Amino acid sequence: MDTIYQADQISNDIMDACVQRLGWHIQSISPIHRGWLNLKWKIHTDTGTYLIKQYNRERFRDYDPAVLNRAFAQQIRLYHDGIPAPKLITDDHTIWHTSHLGERFLVMEYCEGDIVSPGTVNGDQLYDLGRLTGQMHLRLNDGSLPVSASPLFQPPTREQRLQHWDRLYAQLQAEEQQACLPLVEQQRQATVLMNTDILHHLRPGWAHRDLWTDNLLFYPDKVAAILDYDRLNYDYPQLDIARAILSCIWNGELDYSRASVFMQGYREIHPLYKEKLGVSLQALWYMESVWWIRSGMDVEIGPPQRFALEMNWLAEHYGELEEITGSL
């Protein structure tokens, strides 16, 4: 089926459902071209402005509905606790809405604010993001959610990771992706250097797990909204910190004075937080590098290209991270 026709059909089906079930009088519909596969629209109605997020049927197979329901329940709780999370509009106390043709979608109040380009978040925005990240972690780990037996990220051994890079190197050679080989070799060298003991000292807990610039809206001097709670789960909160700092600050280099502004905001909420940012960045690299350093990365654009560059920078500076950020 033609992609444009399919998107129009899905849009019409979902809008009909909103009119029938929510009583809307729709004034205008604007597609939002962000995200992967899931469709989104900004809707102006007689009762307000909303965002609709449709869940692609094929992609939905990768989700556990119970995990999503728990994540969205936490989004609702965070909103009521003062975290600027989008307010979900429920249908008879059900988070999910379903159209006549079976499309699953969420309805939420539309959040104002600007998307800021990666690496360009200013000091006031960083401080507020650090403070709100601290508040979010505090709420998520206040005992309301159960402590899982193990965090979602289960680090492989050094030997397993080295085998991964060796296989990828051989694959890229076979595919004649010569330009990618130095990046894989850089990851391998960093893996050899890595002190894997740090992975055993990470503190598990509930976290957002997708805290980067595409999921943040800003006013000039503060955060307007923290978006997209699909990946919220029991893992390592300090990886939220590393991901946010890398995405908001890194622009070919990492300005540690700006990183300290984020940490100042975070420690306003968690004054006893002692984990070093360098260790958090090392752990983030160990988790994410295999996601973005991969076959075909030389032709990727947009966020995947940015993520691959971030990972390669972390690998290049792996040995320096703990020392440089020790005071953070």
C-alpha atoms as a PDB file:
ATOM      1  CA  MET A   1       0.000   0.000   0.000  1.00  0.00           C
ATOM      2  CA  ASP A   2       1.247   3.469  -0.861  1.00  0.00           C
ATOM      3  CA  THR A   3       2.788   5.033   2.272  1.00  0.00           C
ATOM      4  CA  ILE A   4       1.042   8.409   1.886  1.00  0.00           C
ATOM      5  CA  TYR A   5      -2.334   6.768   1.253  1.00  0.00           C
ATOM      6  CA  GLN A   6      -1.849   4.501   4.248  1.00  0.00           C
ATOM      7  CA  ALA A   7      -0.978   7.453   6.517  1.00  0.00           C
ATOM      8  CA  ASP A   8      -4.059   9.347   5.304  1.00  0.00           C
ATOM      9  CA  GLN A   9      -6.265   6.317   5.926  1.00  0.00           C
ATOM     10  CA  ILE A  10      -4.867   5.890   9.446  1.00  0.00           C
ATOM     11  CA  SER A  11      -5.289   9.604  10.149  1.00  0.00           C
ATOM     12  CA  ASN A  12      -8.915   9.640   9.002  1.00  0.00           C
ATOM     13  CA  ASP A  13      -9.692   6.530  11.038  1.00  0.00           C
ATOM     14  CA  ILE A  14      -8.146   7.943  14.213  1.00  0.00           C
ATOM     15  CA  MET A  15      -9.744  11.364  13.823  1.00  0.00           C
ATOM     16  CA  ASP A  16     -13.161   9.722  13.401  1.00  0.00           C
ATOM     17  CA  ALA A  17     -12.583   7.856  16.662  1.00  0.00           C
ATOM     18  CA  CYS A  18     -11.677  11.080  18.484  1.00  0.00           C
ATOM     19  CA  VAL A  19     -14.759  12.858  17.222  1.00  0.00           C
ATOM     20  CA  GLN A  20     -17.036   9.995  18.236  1.00  0.00           C
ATOM     21  CA  ARG A  21     -15.495   9.149  21.621  1.00  0.00           C
ATOM     22  CA  LEU A  22     -14.100  12.452  22.845  1.00  0.00           C
ATOM     23  CA  GLY A  23     -16.722  14.714  21.322  1.00  0.00           C
ATOM     24  CA  TRP A  24     -14.192  16.885  19.537  1.00  0.00           C
ATOM     25  CA  HIS A  25     -14.949  19.417  16.848  1.00  0.00           C
ATOM     26  CA  ILE A  26     -11.656  19.339  14.950  1.00  0.00           C
ATOM     27  CA  GLN A  27     -10.524  22.678  13.558  1.00  0.00           C
ATOM     28  CA  SER A  28      -7.155  21.731  12.047  1.00  0.00           C
ATOM     29  CA  ILE A  29      -4.759  18.766  11.776  1.00  0.00           C
ATOM     30  CA  SER A  30      -0.982  19.079  11.343  1.00  0.00           C
ATOM     31  CA  PRO A  31       1.239  15.997  10.959  1.00  0.00           C
ATOM     32  CA  ILE A  32       4.403  15.949  13.085  1.00  0.00           C
ATOM     33  CA  HIS A  33       7.325  14.376  11.259  1.00  0.00           C
ATOM     34  CA  ARG A  34       9.378  13.143  14.198  1.00  0.00           C
ATOM     35  CA  GLY A  35      10.062   9.703  15.580  1.00  0.00           C
ATOM     36  CA  TRP A  36      10.373   6.354  13.873  1.00  0.00           C
ATOM     37  CA  LEU A  37       7.331   4.663  12.245  1.00  0.00           C
ATOM     38  CA  ASN A  38       4.803   5.871  14.829  1.00  0.00           C
ATOM     39  CA  LEU A  39       2.623   8.635  13.342  1.00  0.00           C
ATOM     40  CA  LYS A  40       1.893  11.880  15.213  1.00  0.00           C
ATOM     41  CA  TRP A  41      -0.463  14.812  14.692  1.00  0.00           C
ATOM     42  CA  LYS A  42      -1.085  18.186  16.327  1.00  0.00           C
ATOM     43  CA  ILE A  43      -4.852  18.682  16.590  1.00  0.00           C
ATOM     44  CA  HIS A  44      -6.656  21.984  17.191  1.00  0.00           C
ATOM     45  CA  THR A  45     -10.167  21.425  18.577  1.00  0.00           C
ATOM     46  CA  ASP A  46     -12.947  23.385  20.224  1.00  0.00           C
ATOM     47  CA  THR A  47     -11.725  22.167  23.648  1.00  0.00           C
ATOM     48  CA  GLY A  48      -7.968  22.690  23.226  1.00  0.00           C
ATOM     49  CA  THR A  49      -4.865  21.587  21.360  1.00  0.00           C
ATOM     50  CA  TYR A  50      -3.755  17.961  21.550  1.00  0.00           C
ATOM     51  CA  LEU A  51      -1.096  15.605  20.284  1.00  0.00           C
ATOM     52  CA  ILE A  52      -2.047  12.164  18.996  1.00  0.00           C
ATOM     53  CA  LYS A  53       0.569   9.418  18.825  1.00  0.00           C
ATOM     54  CA  GLN A  54      -0.286   6.314  16.804  1.00  0.00           C
ATOM     55  CA  TYR A  55       1.661   3.111  17.446  1.00  0.00           C
ATOM     56  CA  ASN A  56       2.796   1.379  14.284  1.00  0.00           C
ATOM     57  CA  ARG A  57       1.426  -2.165  14.251  1.00  0.00           C
ATOM     58  CA  GLU A  58       4.704  -3.821  13.297  1.00  0.00           C
ATOM     59  CA  ARG A  59       6.716  -1.833  15.808  1.00  0.00           C
ATOM     60  CA  PHE A  60       4.131  -2.508  18.534  1.00  0.00           C
ATOM     61  CA  ARG A  61       5.062  -6.208  18.388  1.00  0.00           C
ATOM     62  CA  ASP A  62       8.395  -5.274  19.983  1.00  0.00           C
ATOM     63  CA  TYR A  63       6.633  -3.768  23.008  1.00  0.00           C
ATOM     64  CA  ASP A  64       5.290  -5.485  26.092  1.00  0.00           C
ATOM     65  CA  PRO A  65       1.852  -3.857  26.586  1.00  0.00           C
ATOM     66  CA  ALA A  66       2.089  -4.309  30.357  1.00  0.00           C
ATOM     67  CA  VAL A  67       5.416  -2.451  30.413  1.00  0.00           C
ATOM     68  CA  LEU A  68       3.946   0.371  28.335  1.00  0.00           C
ATOM     69  CA  ASN A  69       0.892   0.612  30.589  1.00  0.00           C
ATOM     70  CA  ARG A  70       3.152   0.886  33.631  1.00  0.00           C
ATOM     71  CA  ALA A  71       5.259   3.554  31.929  1.00  0.00           C
ATOM     72  CA  PHE A  72       2.227   5.646  30.991  1.00  0.00           C
ATOM     73  CA  ALA A  73       0.801   5.280  34.498  1.00  0.00           C
ATOM     74  CA  GLN A  74       4.063   6.793  35.736  1.00  0.00           C
ATOM     75  CA  GLN A  75       3.783   9.592  33.183  1.00  0.00           C
ATOM     76  CA  ILE A  76       0.386  10.427  34.661  1.00  0.00           C
ATOM     77  CA  ARG A  77       1.789  10.323  38.185  1.00  0.00           C
ATOM     78  CA  LEU A  78       4.767  12.512  37.263  1.00  0.00           C
ATOM     79  CA  TYR A  79       2.437  15.039  35.663  1.00  0.00           C
ATOM     80  CA  HIS A  80       0.364  15.260  38.853  1.00  0.00           C
ATOM     81  CA  ASP A  81       3.587  15.575  40.882  1.00  0.00           C
ATOM     82  CA  GLY A  82       4.601  18.679  38.970  1.00  0.00           C
ATOM     83  CA  ILE A  83       7.017  17.206  36.423  1.00  0.00           C
ATOM     84  CA  PRO A  84       6.293  18.816  33.018  1.00  0.00           C
ATOM     85  CA  ALA A  85       5.161  15.583  31.368  1.00  0.00           C
ATOM     86  CA  PRO A  86       2.368  15.681  28.769  1.00  0.00           C
ATOM     87  CA  LYS A  87      -1.064  15.177  30.314  1.00  0.00           C
ATOM     88  CA  LEU A  88      -2.621  12.003  28.924  1.00  0.00           C
ATOM     89  CA  ILE A  89      -6.295  12.176  27.948  1.00  0.00           C
ATOM     90  CA  THR A  90      -7.917   8.896  28.976  1.00  0.00           C
ATOM     91  CA  ASP A  91     -11.082   7.284  27.629  1.00  0.00           C
ATOM     92  CA  ASP A  92     -13.193   5.827  30.463  1.00  0.00           C
ATOM     93  CA  HIS A  93     -10.017   5.520  32.560  1.00  0.00           C
ATOM     94  CA  THR A  94      -8.250   3.586  29.774  1.00  0.00           C
ATOM     95  CA  ILE A  95      -4.930   5.045  28.655  1.00  0.00           C
ATOM     96  CA  TRP A  96      -5.112   3.462  25.209  1.00  0.00           C
ATOM     97  CA  HIS A  97      -7.543   4.555  22.540  1.00  0.00           C
ATOM     98  CA  THR A  98      -8.442   2.218  19.669  1.00  0.00           C
ATOM     99  CA  SER A  99      -9.911   3.273  16.325  1.00  0.00           C
ATOM    100  CA  HIS A 100     -12.594   1.460  14.312  1.00  0.00           C
ATOM    101  CA  LEU A 101      -9.879  -0.188  12.198  1.00  0.00           C
ATOM    102  CA  GLY A 102      -7.871  -1.223  15.234  1.00  0.00           C
ATOM    103  CA  GLU A 103      -5.203   1.489  15.404  1.00  0.00           C
ATOM    104  CA  ARG A 104      -3.771   2.000  18.895  1.00  0.00           C
ATOM    105  CA  PHE A 105      -3.075   5.592  19.864  1.00  0.00           C
ATOM    106  CA  LEU A 106      -2.526   7.949  22.775  1.00  0.00           C
ATOM    107  CA  VAL A 107      -4.071  11.380  23.193  1.00  0.00           C
ATOM    108  CA  MET A 108      -2.285  14.012  25.258  1.00  0.00           C
ATOM    109  CA  GLU A 109      -2.341  17.731  25.740  1.00  0.00           C
ATOM    110  CA  TYR A 110      -0.031  19.458  23.304  1.00  0.00           C
ATOM    111  CA  CYS A 111       3.072  20.852  25.018  1.00  0.00           C
ATOM    112  CA  GLU A 112       4.440  24.218  23.978  1.00  0.00           C
ATOM    113  CA  GLY A 113       8.161  24.831  23.812  1.00  0.00           C
ATOM    114  CA  ASP A 114      11.032  24.549  21.359  1.00  0.00           C
ATOM    115  CA  ILE A 115      13.220  21.668  20.303  1.00  0.00           C
ATOM    116  CA  VAL A 116      16.829  22.728  20.850  1.00  0.00           C
ATOM    117  CA  SER A 117      19.517  21.352  18.556  1.00  0.00           C
ATOM    118  CA  PRO A 118      21.828  18.763  20.152  1.00  0.00           C
ATOM    119  CA  GLY A 119      24.832  20.314  21.848  1.00  0.00           C
ATOM    120  CA  THR A 120      23.308  23.810  22.129  1.00  0.00           C
ATOM    121  CA  VAL A 121      21.241  23.723  25.343  1.00  0.00           C
ATOM    122  CA  ASN A 122      22.051  26.825  27.391  1.00  0.00           C
ATOM    123  CA  GLY A 123      23.042  27.093  31.044  1.00  0.00           C
ATOM    124  CA  ASP A 124      19.626  28.002  32.455  1.00  0.00           C
ATOM    125  CA  GLN A 125      18.035  25.160  30.513  1.00  0.00           C
ATOM    126  CA  LEU A 126      20.699  22.693  31.678  1.00  0.00           C
ATOM    127  CA  TYR A 127      20.259  23.667  35.313  1.00  0.00           C
ATOM    128  CA  ASP A 128      16.497  23.216  35.106  1.00  0.00           C
ATOM    129  CA  LEU A 129      16.853  19.918  33.265  1.00  0.00           C
ATOM    130  CA  GLY A 130      19.218  18.653  35.967  1.00  0.00           C
ATOM    131  CA  ARG A 131      16.753  19.682  38.661  1.00  0.00           C
ATOM    132  CA  LEU A 132      13.774  18.077  36.895  1.00  0.00           C
ATOM    133  CA  THR A 133      15.731  14.895  36.161  1.00  0.00           C
ATOM    134  CA  GLY A 134      16.499  14.717  39.868  1.00  0.00           C
ATOM    135  CA  GLN A 135      12.835  15.197  40.757  1.00  0.00           C
ATOM    136  CA  MET A 136      11.778  12.552  38.240  1.00  0.00           C
ATOM    137  CA  HIS A 137      14.253  10.026  39.643  1.00  0.00           C
ATOM    138  CA  LEU A 138      13.124  10.855  43.182  1.00  0.00           C
ATOM    139  CA  ARG A 139       9.448  10.239  42.331  1.00  0.00           C
ATOM    140  CA  LEU A 140      10.094   7.076  40.323  1.00  0.00           C
ATOM    141  CA  ASN A 141      12.180   5.577  43.136  1.00  0.00           C
ATOM    142  CA  ASP A 142      10.019   6.579  46.116  1.00  0.00           C
ATOM    143  CA  GLY A 143       8.837   3.007  46.712  1.00  0.00           C
ATOM    144  CA  SER A 144       5.688   3.234  44.607  1.00  0.00           C
ATOM    145  CA  LEU A 145       7.183   0.914  41.977  1.00  0.00           C
ATOM    146  CA  PRO A 146       8.557  -2.558  42.749  1.00  0.00           C
ATOM    147  CA  VAL A 147      12.286  -3.172  42.692  1.00  0.00           C
ATOM    148  CA  SER A 148      13.006  -5.626  39.891  1.00  0.00           C
ATOM    149  CA  ALA A 149      15.334  -8.569  40.293  1.00  0.00           C
ATOM    150  CA  SER A 150      17.759  -7.081  37.787  1.00  0.00           C
ATOM    151  CA  PRO A 151      18.092  -3.903  35.705  1.00  0.00           C
ATOM    152  CA  LEU A 152      17.198  -4.005  32.033  1.00  0.00           C
ATOM    153  CA  PHE A 153      20.785  -3.427  30.896  1.00  0.00           C
ATOM    154  CA  GLN A 154      22.809  -6.567  31.524  1.00  0.00           C
ATOM    155  CA  PRO A 155      26.395  -5.733  30.504  1.00  0.00           C
ATOM    156  CA  PRO A 156      28.185  -8.429  28.515  1.00  0.00           C
ATOM    157  CA  THR A 157      31.663  -9.475  29.575  1.00  0.00           C
ATOM    158  CA  ARG A 158      34.693  -7.860  27.987  1.00  0.00           C
ATOM    159  CA  GLU A 159      35.321 -11.052  26.033  1.00  0.00           C
ATOM    160  CA  GLN A 160      31.759 -11.079  24.667  1.00  0.00           C
ATOM    161  CA  ARG A 161      31.993  -7.452  23.609  1.00  0.00           C
ATOM    162  CA  LEU A 162      35.374  -7.988  21.934  1.00  0.00           C
ATOM    163  CA  GLN A 163      33.886 -10.883  19.991  1.00  0.00           C
ATOM    164  CA  HIS A 164      31.082  -8.577  18.872  1.00  0.00           C
ATOM    165  CA  TRP A 165      33.520  -5.988  17.521  1.00  0.00           C
ATOM    166  CA  ASP A 166      35.576  -8.684  15.776  1.00  0.00           C
ATOM    167  CA  ARG A 167      32.469 -10.051  14.054  1.00  0.00           C
ATOM    168  CA  LEU A 168      31.372  -6.575  13.008  1.00  0.00           C
ATOM    169  CA  TYR A 169      34.842  -5.771  11.666  1.00  0.00           C
ATOM    170  CA  ALA A 170      34.817  -8.929   9.542  1.00  0.00           C
ATOM    171  CA  GLN A 171      31.291  -8.147   8.317  1.00  0.00           C
ATOM    172  CA  LEU A 172      32.239  -4.615   7.281  1.00  0.00           C
ATOM    173  CA  GLN A 173      35.288  -5.921   5.449  1.00  0.00           C
ATOM    174  CA  ALA A 174      33.121  -8.408   3.562  1.00  0.00           C
ATOM    175  CA  GLU A 175      30.661  -5.617   2.709  1.00  0.00           C
ATOM    176  CA  GLU A 176      33.544  -3.337   1.634  1.00  0.00           C
ATOM    177  CA  GLN A 177      32.538  -0.627   4.130  1.00  0.00           C
ATOM    178  CA  GLN A 178      36.154   0.406   4.542  1.00  0.00           C
ATOM    179  CA  ALA A 179      35.379   3.853   5.949  1.00  0.00           C
ATOM    180  CA  CYS A 180      33.697   2.285   8.997  1.00  0.00           C
ATOM    181  CA  LEU A 181      36.591   0.031   9.976  1.00  0.00           C
ATOM    182  CA  PRO A 182      38.554   2.646  11.991  1.00  0.00           C
ATOM    183  CA  LEU A 183      35.458   3.375  14.099  1.00  0.00           C
ATOM    184  CA  VAL A 184      35.053  -0.296  14.958  1.00  0.00           C
ATOM    185  CA  GLU A 185      38.730  -0.567  15.787  1.00  0.00           C
ATOM    186  CA  GLN A 186      38.353   2.447  18.085  1.00  0.00           C
ATOM    187  CA  GLN A 187      35.503   0.713  19.934  1.00  0.00           C
ATOM    188  CA  ARG A 188      37.622  -2.405  20.294  1.00  0.00           C
ATOM    189  CA  GLN A 189      40.557  -0.462  21.736  1.00  0.00           C
ATOM    190  CA  ALA A 190      38.282   1.238  24.261  1.00  0.00           C
ATOM    191  CA  THR A 191      36.846  -2.144  25.230  1.00  0.00           C
ATOM    192  CA  VAL A 192      40.356  -3.429  25.932  1.00  0.00           C
ATOM    193  CA  LEU A 193      41.007  -0.381  28.115  1.00  0.00           C
ATOM    194  CA  MET A 194      37.744  -0.574  29.986  1.00  0.00           C
ATOM    195  CA  ASN A 195      37.662  -1.144  33.722  1.00  0.00           C
ATOM    196  CA  THR A 196      34.667  -3.484  33.753  1.00  0.00           C
ATOM    197  CA  ASP A 197      34.489  -3.278  37.548  1.00  0.00           C
ATOM    198  CA  ILE A 198      32.630   0.034  37.220  1.00  0.00           C
ATOM    199  CA  LEU A 199      29.645  -1.818  35.802  1.00  0.00           C
ATOM    200  CA  HIS A 200      29.220  -3.718  39.058  1.00  0.00           C
ATOM    201  CA  HIS A 201      28.924  -0.494  41.058  1.00  0.00           C
ATOM    202  CA  LEU A 202      26.173   1.208  39.076  1.00  0.00           C
ATOM    203  CA  ARG A 203      23.115   1.927  41.218  1.00  0.00           C
ATOM    204  CA  PRO A 204      19.940   0.417  39.754  1.00  0.00           C
ATOM    205  CA  GLY A 205      16.600   2.175  39.827  1.00  0.00           C
ATOM    206  CA  TRP A 206      13.663   3.380  37.756  1.00  0.00           C
ATOM    207  CA  ALA A 207      14.617   5.753  34.948  1.00  0.00           C
ATOM    208  CA  HIS A 208      13.248   7.496  31.846  1.00  0.00           C
ATOM    209  CA  ARG A 209      15.797   5.754  29.580  1.00  0.00           C
ATOM    210  CA  ASP A 210      15.384   8.071  26.572  1.00  0.00           C
ATOM    211  CA  LEU A 211      16.431  11.478  27.843  1.00  0.00           C
ATOM    212  CA  TRP A 212      17.844  13.253  24.781  1.00  0.00           C
ATOM    213  CA  THR A 213      17.104  16.472  22.949  1.00  0.00           C
ATOM    214  CA  ASP A 214      14.362  15.090  20.681  1.00  0.00           C
ATOM    215  CA  ASN A 215      12.386  14.195  23.798  1.00  0.00           C
ATOM    216  CA  LEU A 216      12.805  17.597  25.446  1.00  0.00           C
ATOM    217  CA  LEU A 217      11.065  20.912  24.857  1.00  0.00           C
ATOM    218  CA  PHE A 218      12.516  24.154  26.193  1.00  0.00           C
ATOM    219  CA  TYR A 219      11.594  27.718  26.930  1.00  0.00           C
ATOM    220  CA  PRO A 220      14.530  30.166  26.682  1.00  0.00           C
ATOM    221  CA  ASP A 221      15.422  29.735  30.369  1.00  0.00           C
ATOM    222  CA  LYS A 222      13.952  26.396  31.452  1.00  0.00           C
ATOM    223  CA  VAL A 223      12.452  23.069  30.444  1.00  0.00           C
ATOM    224  CA  ALA A 224       8.969  23.173  28.942  1.00  0.00           C
ATOM    225  CA  ALA A 225       8.339  19.418  28.793  1.00  0.00           C
ATOM    226  CA  ILE A 226       9.957  16.005  29.131  1.00  0.00           C
ATOM    227  CA  LEU A 227       8.429  13.740  26.488  1.00  0.00           C
ATOM    228  CA  ASP A 228       8.174  10.091  25.404  1.00  0.00           C
ATOM    229  CA  TYR A 229       7.959   7.682  28.327  1.00  0.00           C
ATOM    230  CA  ASP A 230       7.768   4.509  26.196  1.00  0.00           C
ATOM    231  CA  ARG A 231      11.133   3.189  27.433  1.00  0.00           C
ATOM    232  CA  LEU A 232      10.679   4.007  31.147  1.00  0.00           C
ATOM    233  CA  ASN A 233      11.846   0.962  33.096  1.00  0.00           C
ATOM    234  CA  TYR A 234      14.008  -0.372  35.912  1.00  0.00           C
ATOM    235  CA  ASP A 235      17.607   0.213  34.895  1.00  0.00           C
ATOM    236  CA  TYR A 236      20.254   2.767  35.944  1.00  0.00           C
ATOM    237  CA  PRO A 237      19.187   6.385  36.611  1.00  0.00           C
ATOM    238  CA  GLN A 238      22.745   7.637  36.177  1.00  0.00           C
ATOM    239  CA  LEU A 239      22.566   6.608  32.507  1.00  0.00           C
ATOM    240  CA  ASP A 240      19.742   9.164  32.157  1.00  0.00           C
ATOM    241  CA  ILE A 241      22.210  11.763  33.410  1.00  0.00           C
ATOM    242  CA  ALA A 242      24.929  10.692  30.977  1.00  0.00           C
ATOM    243  CA  ARG A 243      22.540  10.544  28.022  1.00  0.00           C
ATOM    244  CA  ALA A 244      21.054  13.977  28.761  1.00  0.00           C
ATOM    245  CA  ILE A 245      24.446  15.639  29.220  1.00  0.00           C
ATOM    246  CA  LEU A 246      25.954  14.069  26.105  1.00  0.00           C
ATOM    247  CA  SER A 247      22.968  14.999  23.950  1.00  0.00           C
ATOM    248  CA  CYS A 248      22.522  18.520  25.305  1.00  0.00           C
ATOM    249  CA  ILE A 249      26.178  19.568  25.510  1.00  0.00           C
ATOM    250  CA  TRP A 250      28.433  17.569  23.183  1.00  0.00           C
ATOM    251  CA  ASN A 251      29.268  19.409  19.951  1.00  0.00           C
ATOM    252  CA  GLY A 252      32.514  17.714  18.991  1.00  0.00           C
ATOM    253  CA  GLU A 253      33.838  18.314  22.487  1.00  0.00           C
ATOM    254  CA  LEU A 254      32.247  18.078  25.923  1.00  0.00           C
ATOM    255  CA  ASP A 255      32.211  21.324  27.924  1.00  0.00           C
ATOM    256  CA  TYR A 256      32.555  20.062  31.486  1.00  0.00           C
ATOM    257  CA  SER A 257      31.778  23.473  32.973  1.00  0.00           C
ATOM    258  CA  ARG A 258      28.329  23.255  31.344  1.00  0.00           C
ATOM    259  CA  ALA A 259      27.975  19.666  32.534  1.00  0.00           C
ATOM    260  CA  SER A 260      28.583  20.896  36.071  1.00  0.00           C
ATOM    261  CA  VAL A 261      25.570  23.234  35.698  1.00  0.00           C
ATOM    262  CA  PHE A 262      23.324  20.229  34.989  1.00  0.00           C
ATOM    263  CA  MET A 263      24.829  18.399  37.974  1.00  0.00           C
ATOM    264  CA  GLN A 264      24.270  21.446  40.187  1.00  0.00           C
ATOM    265  CA  GLY A 265      20.563  21.249  39.400  1.00  0.00           C
ATOM    266  CA  TYR A 266      20.497  17.497  39.935  1.00  0.00           C
ATOM    267  CA  ARG A 267      22.278  17.724  43.309  1.00  0.00           C
ATOM    268  CA  GLU A 268      19.810  20.357  44.450  1.00  0.00           C
ATOM    269  CA  ILE A 269      17.365  17.433  44.603  1.00  0.00           C
ATOM    270  CA  HIS A 270      19.923  14.704  45.432  1.00  0.00           C
ATOM    271  CA  PRO A 271      22.540  16.432  47.639  1.00  0.00           C
ATOM    272  CA  LEU A 272      24.189  13.098  48.509  1.00  0.00           C
ATOM    273  CA  TYR A 273      24.620  11.972  44.891  1.00  0.00           C
ATOM    274  CA  LYS A 274      28.275  10.878  44.604  1.00  0.00           C
ATOM    275  CA  GLU A 275      28.506   8.980  41.313  1.00  0.00           C
ATOM    276  CA  LYS A 276      31.122  10.388  38.935  1.00  0.00           C
ATOM    277  CA  LEU A 277      29.919  11.603  35.571  1.00  0.00           C
ATOM    278  CA  GLY A 278      32.926  10.004  33.891  1.00  0.00           C
ATOM    279  CA  VAL A 279      31.836   6.563  35.091  1.00  0.00           C
ATOM    280  CA  SER A 280      28.277   7.244  33.916  1.00  0.00           C
ATOM    281  CA  LEU A 281      29.531   8.234  30.459  1.00  0.00           C
ATOM    282  CA  GLN A 282      31.720   5.132  30.267  1.00  0.00           C
ATOM    283  CA  ALA A 283      28.763   2.932  31.170  1.00  0.00           C
ATOM    284  CA  LEU A 284      26.546   4.726  28.651  1.00  0.00           C
ATOM    285  CA  TRP A 285      29.140   4.072  25.949  1.00  0.00           C
ATOM    286  CA  TYR A 286      29.326   0.395  26.885  1.00  0.00           C
ATOM    287  CA  MET A 287      25.546   0.077  26.569  1.00  0.00           C
ATOM    288  CA  GLU A 288      24.900   2.206  23.470  1.00  0.00           C
ATOM    289  CA  SER A 289      27.978   1.727  21.288  1.00  0.00           C
ATOM    290  CA  VAL A 290      26.683  -1.520  19.789  1.00  0.00           C
ATOM    291  CA  TRP A 291      23.396   0.216  18.879  1.00  0.00           C
ATOM    292  CA  TRP A 292      25.001   2.905  16.713  1.00  0.00           C
ATOM    293  CA  ILE A 293      28.384   1.591  15.536  1.00  0.00           C
ATOM    294  CA  ARG A 294      27.042  -0.851  12.978  1.00  0.00           C
ATOM    295  CA  SER A 295      26.839  -1.848   9.353  1.00  0.00           C
ATOM    296  CA  GLY A 296      25.539   0.964   7.155  1.00  0.00           C
ATOM    297  CA  MET A 297      26.354   3.741   9.609  1.00  0.00           C
ATOM    298  CA  ASP A 298      28.399   5.561   6.940  1.00  0.00           C
ATOM    299  CA  VAL A 299      25.234   6.440   5.007  1.00  0.00           C
ATOM    300  CA  GLU A 300      22.962   7.221   7.959  1.00  0.00           C
ATOM    301  CA  ILE A 301      21.750  10.741   8.623  1.00  0.00           C
ATOM    302  CA  GLY A 302      19.960  12.524  11.460  1.00  0.00           C
ATOM    303  CA  PRO A 303      19.934  11.125  15.015  1.00  0.00           C
ATOM    304  CA  PRO A 304      21.628   7.762  14.202  1.00  0.00           C
ATOM    305  CA  GLN A 305      24.562   9.623  12.664  1.00  0.00           C
ATOM    306  CA  ARG A 306      24.779  11.907  15.701  1.00  0.00           C
ATOM    307  CA  PHE A 307      24.656   8.945  18.101  1.00  0.00           C
ATOM    308  CA  ALA A 308      27.450   7.166  16.216  1.00  0.00           C
ATOM    309  CA  LEU A 309      29.634  10.282  16.446  1.00  0.00           C
ATOM    310  CA  GLU A 310      28.934  10.533  20.177  1.00  0.00           C
ATOM    311  CA  MET A 311      29.912   6.905  20.687  1.00  0.00           C
ATOM    312  CA  ASN A 312      33.116   7.282  18.724  1.00  0.00           C
ATOM    313  CA  TRP A 313      34.073  10.394  20.709  1.00  0.00           C
ATOM    314  CA  LEU A 314      33.498   8.529  23.973  1.00  0.00           C
ATOM    315  CA  ALA A 315      35.627   5.642  22.709  1.00  0.00           C
ATOM    316  CA  GLU A 316      38.423   8.000  21.643  1.00  0.00           C
ATOM    317  CA  HIS A 317      38.402   9.726  25.054  1.00  0.00           C
ATOM    318  CA  TYR A 318      37.580   6.663  27.114  1.00  0.00           C
ATOM    319  CA  GLY A 319      40.774   6.710  29.160  1.00  0.00           C
ATOM    320  CA  GLU A 320      40.362  10.397  30.034  1.00  0.00           C
ATOM    321  CA  LEU A 321      36.742  10.447  31.147  1.00  0.00           C
ATOM    322  CA  GLU A 322      37.008   9.468  34.784  1.00  0.00           C
ATOM    323  CA  GLU A 323      39.950  11.773  35.450  1.00  0.00           C
ATOM    324  CA  ILE A 324      38.507  14.777  33.582  1.00  0.00           C
ATOM    325  CA  THR A 325      35.086  14.554  35.213  1.00  0.00           C
ATOM    326  CA  GLY A 326      36.194  13.376  38.614  1.00  0.00           C
ATOM    327  CA  SER A 327      34.977  16.573  40.285  1.00  0.00           C
ATOM    328  CA  LEU A 328      31.518  16.252  38.763  1.00  0.00           C
END
